[in-house]
C-alpha atoms as a PDB file:
ATOM      1  CA  MET A   1       0.000   0.000   0.000  1.00  0.00           C
ATOM      2  CA  LEU A   2       2.821   2.380   0.852  1.00  0.00           C
ATOM      3  CA  LYS A   3       4.569   1.631  -2.434  1.00  0.00           C
ATOM      4  CA  ASP A   4       1.389   2.515  -4.349  1.00  0.00           C
ATOM      5  CA  LYS A   5       1.325   5.924  -2.668  1.00  0.00           C
ATOM      6  CA  GLU A   6       5.019   6.452  -3.401  1.00  0.00           C
ATOM      7  CA  ASN A   7       4.483   5.522  -7.066  1.00  0.00           C
ATOM      8  CA  LYS A   8       1.540   7.897  -7.345  1.00  0.00           C
ATOM      9  CA  TRP A   9       3.637  10.673  -5.813  1.00  0.00           C
ATOM     10  CA  ALA A  10       6.491   9.884  -8.193  1.00  0.00           C
ATOM     11  CA  ASP A  11       4.078  10.085 -11.141  1.00  0.00           C
ATOM     12  CA  TRP A  12       2.779  13.437  -9.867  1.00  0.00           C
ATOM     13  CA  ALA A  13       6.313  14.750  -9.388  1.00  0.00           C
ATOM     14  CA  ASP A  14       7.153  13.800 -12.991  1.00  0.00           C
ATOM     15  CA  TRP A  15       4.123  15.668 -14.328  1.00  0.00           C
ATOM     16  CA  TYR A  16       4.892  18.648 -12.112  1.00  0.00           C
ATOM     17  CA  LYS A  17       8.457  18.759 -13.442  1.00  0.00           C
ATOM     18  CA  ILE A  18       7.247  18.537 -17.053  1.00  0.00           C
ATOM     19  CA  ILE A  19       4.719  21.336 -16.539  1.00  0.00           C
ATOM     20  CA  THR A  20       7.299  23.507 -14.757  1.00  0.00           C
ATOM     21  CA  ILE A  21       9.828  23.040 -17.555  1.00  0.00           C
ATOM     22  CA  GLY A  22       7.129  23.872 -20.107  1.00  0.00           C
ATOM     23  CA  GLU A  23       6.157  27.000 -18.186  1.00  0.00           C
ATOM     24  CA  LYS A  24       9.754  28.221 -17.967  1.00  0.00           C
ATOM     25  CA  GLY A  25      10.345  27.485 -21.643  1.00  0.00           C
ATOM     26  CA  LEU A  26       7.217  29.380 -22.601  1.00  0.00           C
ATOM     27  CA  LEU A  27       8.268  32.364 -20.479  1.00  0.00           C
ATOM     28  CA  ILE A  28      11.678  32.396 -22.174  1.00  0.00           C
ATOM     29  CA  ALA A  29       9.971  32.313 -25.587  1.00  0.00           C
ATOM     30  CA  ILE A  30       7.670  35.174 -24.526  1.00  0.00           C
ATOM     31  CA  ALA A  31      10.686  37.199 -23.354  1.00  0.00           C
ATOM     32  CA  PHE A  32      12.535  36.738 -26.655  1.00  0.00           C
ATOM     33  CA  LEU A  33       9.430  37.484 -28.733  1.00  0.00           C
ATOM     34  CA  THR A  34       8.726  40.581 -26.642  1.00  0.00           C
ATOM     35  CA  ALA A  35      12.298  41.789 -27.134  1.00  0.00           C
ATOM     36  CA  TYR A  36      11.898  41.171 -30.878  1.00  0.00           C
ATOM     37  CA  ALA A  37       8.636  43.150 -30.879  1.00  0.00           C
ATOM     38  CA  VAL A  38      10.409  46.027 -29.107  1.00  0.00           C
ATOM     39  CA  VAL A  39      13.114  46.073 -31.778  1.00  0.00           C
ATOM     40  CA  LEU A  40      10.458  46.075 -34.522  1.00  0.00           C
ATOM     41  CA  GLU A  41       8.492  48.879 -32.872  1.00  0.00           C
ATOM     42  CA  ILE A  42      11.594  51.011 -32.398  1.00  0.00           C
ATOM     43  CA  SER A  43      12.578  50.442 -36.032  1.00  0.00           C
ATOM     44  CA  VAL A  44       9.112  51.596 -37.138  1.00  0.00           C
ATOM     45  CA  ILE A  45       9.455  54.705 -34.977  1.00  0.00           C
ATOM     46  CA  LEU A  46      12.876  55.438 -36.443  1.00  0.00           C
ATOM     47  CA  THR A  47      11.779  54.929 -40.056  1.00  0.00           C
ATOM     48  CA  GLU A  48       8.652  57.077 -39.645  1.00  0.00           C
ATOM     49  CA  ARG A  49      10.632  59.670 -37.659  1.00  0.00           C
ATOM     50  CA  THR A  50       7.668  60.277 -35.405  1.00  0.00           C
ATOM     51  CA  VAL A  51       6.741  59.083 -31.957  1.00  0.00           C
ATOM     52  CA  LYS A  52       3.070  58.760 -31.102  1.00  0.00           C
ATOM     53  CA  LEU A  53       1.546  58.252 -27.689  1.00  0.00           C
ATOM     54  CA  THR A  54       0.229  54.856 -28.782  1.00  0.00           C
ATOM     55  CA  ASP A  55       3.788  53.804 -29.664  1.00  0.00           C
ATOM     56  CA  LEU A  56       5.005  54.791 -26.213  1.00  0.00           C
ATOM     57  CA  LEU A  57       2.158  52.939 -24.530  1.00  0.00           C
ATOM     58  CA  LEU A  58       2.924  49.846 -26.579  1.00  0.00           C
ATOM     59  CA  LEU A  59       6.585  50.033 -25.564  1.00  0.00           C
ATOM     60  CA  PHE A  60       5.463  50.451 -21.954  1.00  0.00           C
ATOM     61  CA  ILE A  61       3.347  47.295 -22.252  1.00  0.00           C
ATOM     62  CA  TYR A  62       6.371  45.441 -23.625  1.00  0.00           C
ATOM     63  CA  ALA A  63       8.494  46.717 -20.729  1.00  0.00           C
ATOM     64  CA  GLU A  64       5.878  45.544 -18.223  1.00  0.00           C
ATOM     65  CA  VAL A  65       5.749  42.083 -19.819  1.00  0.00           C
ATOM     66  CA  LEU A  66       9.529  41.799 -19.588  1.00  0.00           C
ATOM     67  CA  GLY A  67       9.394  43.040 -15.996  1.00  0.00           C
ATOM     68  CA  MET A  68       6.755  40.464 -15.145  1.00  0.00           C
ATOM     69  CA  ILE A  69       8.935  37.676 -16.558  1.00  0.00           C
ATOM     70  CA  ALA A  70      11.970  38.987 -14.664  1.00  0.00           C
ATOM     71  CA  ALA A  71       9.936  39.115 -11.436  1.00  0.00           C
ATOM     72  CA  PHE A  72       8.884  35.503 -11.974  1.00  0.00           C
ATOM     73  CA  TYR A  73      12.482  34.350 -12.311  1.00  0.00           C
ATOM     74  CA  LYS A  74      13.686  36.471  -9.377  1.00  0.00           C
ATOM     75  CA  TYR A  75      10.884  35.811  -6.875  1.00  0.00           C
ATOM     76  CA  ARG A  76       9.308  32.630  -8.335  1.00  0.00           C
ATOM     77  CA  LYS A  77       5.940  34.374  -8.465  1.00  0.00           C
ATOM     78  CA  ILE A  78       4.211  37.053 -10.498  1.00  0.00           C
ATOM     79  CA  PRO A  79       2.809  40.003  -8.535  1.00  0.00           C
ATOM     80  CA  ILE A  80      -0.902  40.213  -9.351  1.00  0.00           C
ATOM     81  CA  THR A  81      -0.767  43.987  -9.794  1.00  0.00           C
ATOM     82  CA  VAL A  82       1.595  43.809 -12.789  1.00  0.00           C
ATOM     83  CA  PRO A  83      -0.968  42.189 -15.143  1.00  0.00           C
ATOM     84  CA  ILE A  84      -3.520  44.716 -13.877  1.00  0.00           C
ATOM     85  CA  PHE A  85      -1.210  47.585 -14.862  1.00  0.00           C
ATOM     86  CA  ILE A  86      -0.665  45.972 -18.252  1.00  0.00           C
ATOM     87  CA  ALA A  87      -4.430  45.724 -18.746  1.00  0.00           C
ATOM     88  CA  ILE A  88      -4.913  49.379 -17.748  1.00  0.00           C
ATOM     89  CA  THR A  89      -2.230  50.481 -20.194  1.00  0.00           C
ATOM     90  CA  ALA A  90      -3.696  48.314 -22.973  1.00  0.00           C
ATOM     91  CA  LEU A  91      -7.177  49.762 -22.423  1.00  0.00           C
ATOM     92  CA  CYS A  92      -5.810  53.332 -22.443  1.00  0.00           C
ATOM     93  CA  ARG A  93      -3.961  52.568 -25.678  1.00  0.00           C
ATOM     94  CA  LEU A  94      -7.183  51.175 -27.159  1.00  0.00           C
ATOM     95  CA  ILE A  95      -9.086  54.324 -26.215  1.00  0.00           C
ATOM     96  CA  ILE A  96      -6.409  56.509 -27.825  1.00  0.00           C
ATOM     97  CA  LEU A  97      -6.245  54.364 -30.975  1.00  0.00           C
ATOM     98  CA  GLN A  98     -10.006  54.597 -31.474  1.00  0.00           C
ATOM     99  CA  GLY A  99      -9.721  58.359 -31.676  1.00  0.00           C
ATOM    100  CA  LYS A 100     -12.539  60.853 -31.825  1.00  0.00           C
ATOM    101  CA  GLY A 101     -14.889  58.534 -33.705  1.00  0.00           C
ATOM    102  CA  ILE A 102     -15.489  56.331 -30.670  1.00  0.00           C
ATOM    103  CA  ASN A 103     -19.031  55.608 -29.626  1.00  0.00           C
ATOM    104  CA  THR A 104     -19.886  57.318 -26.322  1.00  0.00           C
ATOM    105  CA  ILE A 105     -21.166  54.155 -24.659  1.00  0.00           C
ATOM    106  CA  ASP A 106     -18.020  52.259 -25.675  1.00  0.00           C
ATOM    107  CA  LEU A 107     -15.889  55.013 -24.187  1.00  0.00           C
ATOM    108  CA  LEU A 108     -17.872  54.791 -20.954  1.00  0.00           C
ATOM    109  CA  TYR A 109     -17.450  51.009 -20.813  1.00  0.00           C
ATOM    110  CA  GLU A 110     -13.721  51.176 -21.506  1.00  0.00           C
ATOM    111  CA  SER A 111     -13.092  53.985 -19.028  1.00  0.00           C
ATOM    112  CA  GLY A 112     -15.230  52.130 -16.471  1.00  0.00           C
ATOM    113  CA  ALA A 113     -13.038  49.074 -16.993  1.00  0.00           C
ATOM    114  CA  VAL A 114      -9.928  51.211 -16.400  1.00  0.00           C
ATOM    115  CA  LEU A 115     -11.485  52.576 -13.205  1.00  0.00           C
ATOM    116  CA  LEU A 116     -12.446  49.085 -12.018  1.00  0.00           C
ATOM    117  CA  LEU A 117      -8.929  47.777 -12.672  1.00  0.00           C
ATOM    118  CA  ALA A 118      -7.385  50.760 -10.877  1.00  0.00           C
ATOM    119  CA  ILE A 119      -9.624  50.235  -7.855  1.00  0.00           C
ATOM    120  CA  SER A 120      -8.786  46.532  -7.794  1.00  0.00           C
ATOM    121  CA  ALA A 121      -5.049  47.329  -7.892  1.00  0.00           C
ATOM    122  CA  LEU A 122      -5.500  49.765  -4.996  1.00  0.00           C
ATOM    123  CA  VAL A 123      -7.454  47.208  -2.958  1.00  0.00           C
ATOM    124  CA  ILE A 124      -4.851  44.522  -3.577  1.00  0.00           C
ATOM    125  CA  ARG A 125      -1.972  46.840  -2.631  1.00  0.00           C
ATOM    126  CA  TRP A 126      -3.827  48.063   0.454  1.00  0.00           C
ATOM    127  CA  ASN A 127      -4.443  44.479   1.587  1.00  0.00           C
ATOM    128  CA  LEU A 128      -0.809  43.520   0.981  1.00  0.00           C
ATOM    129  CA  ILE A 129       0.443  46.523   2.954  1.00  0.00           C
ATOM    130  CA  ASN A 130      -1.875  45.728   5.859  1.00  0.00           C
ATOM    131  CA  LEU A 131      -0.872  42.060   5.843  1.00  0.00           C
ATOM    132  CA  VAL A 132       2.849  42.858   5.919  1.00  0.00           C
ATOM    133  CA  ARG A 133       2.728  45.719   8.423  1.00  0.00           C
ATOM    134  CA  PRO A 134       2.803  44.480  12.036  1.00  0.00           C
ATOM    135  CA  LYS A 135      -0.237  45.450  14.064  1.00  0.00           C
ATOM    136  CA  ASP A 136       0.250  47.355  17.302  1.00  0.00           C
ATOM    137  CA  ASN A 137      -1.277  45.718  20.343  1.00  0.00           C
ATOM    138  CA  ASP A 138      -1.436  49.002  22.246  1.00  0.00           C
ATOM    139  CA  GLU A 139      -4.791  50.711  22.209  1.00  0.00           C
ATOM    140  CA  THR A 140      -3.421  54.082  23.261  1.00  0.00           C
END
């Protein structure tokens, strides 16, 4: 009976190792592709000789993706606020790209989504700060 449990654990450990290797390989591929996309975007900016706000926001998104991958390799976890910031930046870029011809209700939905994401980032950060900060036992 004990050997069956050990074999099941060994099988699980093998699958865990395979999934972990796949995850790390995928993150490395994402990092290289993101770096390639940065080079392409910068070359477009240089050939057009103009820098638009949407280009800067796209480069910022690329920088955040690379930062998220670096944080994973340094701390072995991805802070939940980083993808939220990426989503906020992507939505702002979308609003700018749509220009003046955007439907009013769509603009309200998109800006509401930005507000909701910003509030969620604040709540998460507030909870993390309160969990890390030691509580005083004095009631004075």
